Amino acid sequence: MGKLVVIYTLGHCSYCTKLKKRLDEMNITYISKDIEDKIHEREYEIMKKRGDNDLIPLIRIGNRLLIADKDFDTIDEAVESIKVLL
């Protein structure tokens, strides 16, 4: 069974949109959680604190976080990192 990919996003975030589009093109399943939605706000706050970074997209795969400007600088780097962790 594959690992769950969760992406914390904002509706107006162009990087988030590009990342989701690339994952769709590669048939990589993910769950997108808009952090402006109250349902996901607390969970994002926990992940943000754990990663010591408030940039988005923030990607969680299992217990591993992929953090913008720390673990990846481009959408392609994010996708490659996701593929490695899956």
C-alpha atoms as a PDB file:
ATOM      1  CA  MET A   1       0.000   0.000   0.000  1.00  0.00           C
ATOM      2  CA  GLY A   2       1.331   3.427  -0.984  1.00  0.00           C
ATOM      3  CA  LYS A   3       1.911   6.293   1.374  1.00  0.00           C
ATOM      4  CA  LEU A   4      -0.576   9.130   1.650  1.00  0.00           C
ATOM      5  CA  VAL A   5       0.486  12.451   0.122  1.00  0.00           C
ATOM      6  CA  VAL A   6      -1.091  15.499   1.765  1.00  0.00           C
ATOM      7  CA  ILE A   7      -0.537  18.983   0.364  1.00  0.00           C
ATOM      8  CA  TYR A   8      -1.381  22.044   2.455  1.00  0.00           C
ATOM      9  CA  THR A   9      -2.347  24.811   0.041  1.00  0.00           C
ATOM     10  CA  LEU A  10      -4.066  28.130  -0.475  1.00  0.00           C
ATOM     11  CA  GLY A  11      -6.585  28.674  -3.240  1.00  0.00           C
ATOM     12  CA  HIS A  12      -4.692  31.653  -4.654  1.00  0.00           C
ATOM     13  CA  CYS A  13      -1.235  29.982  -4.484  1.00  0.00           C
ATOM     14  CA  SER A  14       0.070  29.526  -8.031  1.00  0.00           C
ATOM     15  CA  TYR A  15       2.834  27.153  -6.869  1.00  0.00           C
ATOM     16  CA  CYS A  16       0.216  24.970  -5.172  1.00  0.00           C
ATOM     17  CA  THR A  17      -1.849  24.868  -8.347  1.00  0.00           C
ATOM     18  CA  LYS A  18       1.194  23.977 -10.461  1.00  0.00           C
ATOM     19  CA  LEU A  19       2.230  21.234  -8.043  1.00  0.00           C
ATOM     20  CA  LYS A  20      -1.226  19.658  -8.046  1.00  0.00           C
ATOM     21  CA  LYS A  21      -1.366  19.824 -11.840  1.00  0.00           C
ATOM     22  CA  ARG A  22       2.006  18.042 -12.146  1.00  0.00           C
ATOM     23  CA  LEU A  23       0.932  15.356  -9.673  1.00  0.00           C
ATOM     24  CA  ASP A  24      -2.302  14.866 -11.627  1.00  0.00           C
ATOM     25  CA  GLU A  25      -0.323  14.515 -14.864  1.00  0.00           C
ATOM     26  CA  MET A  26       1.846  11.844 -13.216  1.00  0.00           C
ATOM     27  CA  ASN A  27      -1.163  10.032 -11.697  1.00  0.00           C
ATOM     28  CA  ILE A  28       0.144  10.580  -8.170  1.00  0.00           C
ATOM     29  CA  THR A  29      -2.755  10.539  -5.737  1.00  0.00           C
ATOM     30  CA  TYR A  30      -2.831  13.239  -3.084  1.00  0.00           C
ATOM     31  CA  ILE A  31      -5.148  15.020  -0.702  1.00  0.00           C
ATOM     32  CA  SER A  32      -5.214  18.802  -0.950  1.00  0.00           C
ATOM     33  CA  LYS A  33      -6.038  20.720   2.223  1.00  0.00           C
ATOM     34  CA  ASP A  34      -6.773  24.431   1.844  1.00  0.00           C
ATOM     35  CA  ILE A  35      -5.400  26.047   4.990  1.00  0.00           C
ATOM     36  CA  GLU A  36      -7.980  28.828   4.844  1.00  0.00           C
ATOM     37  CA  ASP A  37     -10.617  26.184   5.538  1.00  0.00           C
ATOM     38  CA  LYS A  38     -11.249  26.021   9.295  1.00  0.00           C
ATOM     39  CA  ILE A  39     -11.341  22.218   9.083  1.00  0.00           C
ATOM     40  CA  HIS A  40      -7.644  22.120   8.084  1.00  0.00           C
ATOM     41  CA  GLU A  41      -6.374  25.196   9.926  1.00  0.00           C
ATOM     42  CA  ARG A  42      -5.347  23.476  13.186  1.00  0.00           C
ATOM     43  CA  GLU A  43      -3.699  20.554  11.399  1.00  0.00           C
ATOM     44  CA  TYR A  44      -1.683  22.987   9.262  1.00  0.00           C
ATOM     45  CA  GLU A  45      -0.640  24.948  12.360  1.00  0.00           C
ATOM     46  CA  ILE A  46       0.756  21.737  13.862  1.00  0.00           C
ATOM     47  CA  MET A  47       2.624  20.840  10.656  1.00  0.00           C
ATOM     48  CA  LYS A  48       3.887  24.414  10.294  1.00  0.00           C
ATOM     49  CA  LYS A  49       5.282  24.357  13.828  1.00  0.00           C
ATOM     50  CA  ARG A  50       6.796  20.913  13.325  1.00  0.00           C
ATOM     51  CA  GLY A  51       8.501  22.052  10.122  1.00  0.00           C
ATOM     52  CA  ASP A  52       9.495  25.449  11.545  1.00  0.00           C
ATOM     53  CA  ASN A  53       8.281  27.088   8.342  1.00  0.00           C
ATOM     54  CA  ASP A  54       5.051  28.710   7.186  1.00  0.00           C
ATOM     55  CA  LEU A  55       5.598  28.539   3.415  1.00  0.00           C
ATOM     56  CA  ILE A  56       3.263  26.663   1.125  1.00  0.00           C
ATOM     57  CA  PRO A  57       2.866  24.294  -0.464  1.00  0.00           C
ATOM     58  CA  LEU A  58       3.745  22.179   2.548  1.00  0.00           C
ATOM     59  CA  ILE A  59       3.791  18.483   1.713  1.00  0.00           C
ATOM     60  CA  ARG A  60       3.361  15.613   4.177  1.00  0.00           C
ATOM     61  CA  ILE A  61       4.060  12.008   3.245  1.00  0.00           C
ATOM     62  CA  GLY A  62       3.616   9.704   6.199  1.00  0.00           C
ATOM     63  CA  ASN A  63       5.667  11.275   8.982  1.00  0.00           C
ATOM     64  CA  ARG A  64       7.924  13.194   6.588  1.00  0.00           C
ATOM     65  CA  LEU A  65       7.453  16.855   5.703  1.00  0.00           C
ATOM     66  CA  LEU A  66       8.693  18.429   2.492  1.00  0.00           C
ATOM     67  CA  ILE A  67       9.122  22.126   3.101  1.00  0.00           C
ATOM     68  CA  ALA A  68       9.370  24.840   0.469  1.00  0.00           C
ATOM     69  CA  ASP A  69      12.762  26.586   0.405  1.00  0.00           C
ATOM     70  CA  LYS A  70      14.216  23.854   2.637  1.00  0.00           C
ATOM     71  CA  ASP A  71      13.545  20.563   0.846  1.00  0.00           C
ATOM     72  CA  PHE A  72      12.653  21.925  -2.579  1.00  0.00           C
ATOM     73  CA  ASP A  73      12.962  25.144  -4.524  1.00  0.00           C
ATOM     74  CA  THR A  74      10.983  24.256  -7.634  1.00  0.00           C
ATOM     75  CA  ILE A  75       7.869  22.291  -8.480  1.00  0.00           C
ATOM     76  CA  ASP A  76      10.002  19.725 -10.319  1.00  0.00           C
ATOM     77  CA  GLU A  77      12.161  19.236  -7.215  1.00  0.00           C
ATOM     78  CA  ALA A  78       9.036  18.800  -5.088  1.00  0.00           C
ATOM     79  CA  VAL A  79       7.647  16.176  -7.488  1.00  0.00           C
ATOM     80  CA  GLU A  80      10.959  14.279  -7.557  1.00  0.00           C
ATOM     81  CA  SER A  81      11.107  14.302  -3.743  1.00  0.00           C
ATOM     82  CA  ILE A  82       7.550  12.992  -3.559  1.00  0.00           C
ATOM     83  CA  LYS A  83       8.359  10.190  -6.001  1.00  0.00           C
ATOM     84  CA  VAL A  84      11.394   9.161  -3.932  1.00  0.00           C
ATOM     85  CA  LEU A  85       9.341   9.022  -0.721  1.00  0.00           C
ATOM     86  CA  LEU A  86       6.570   6.978  -2.299  1.00  0.00           C
END
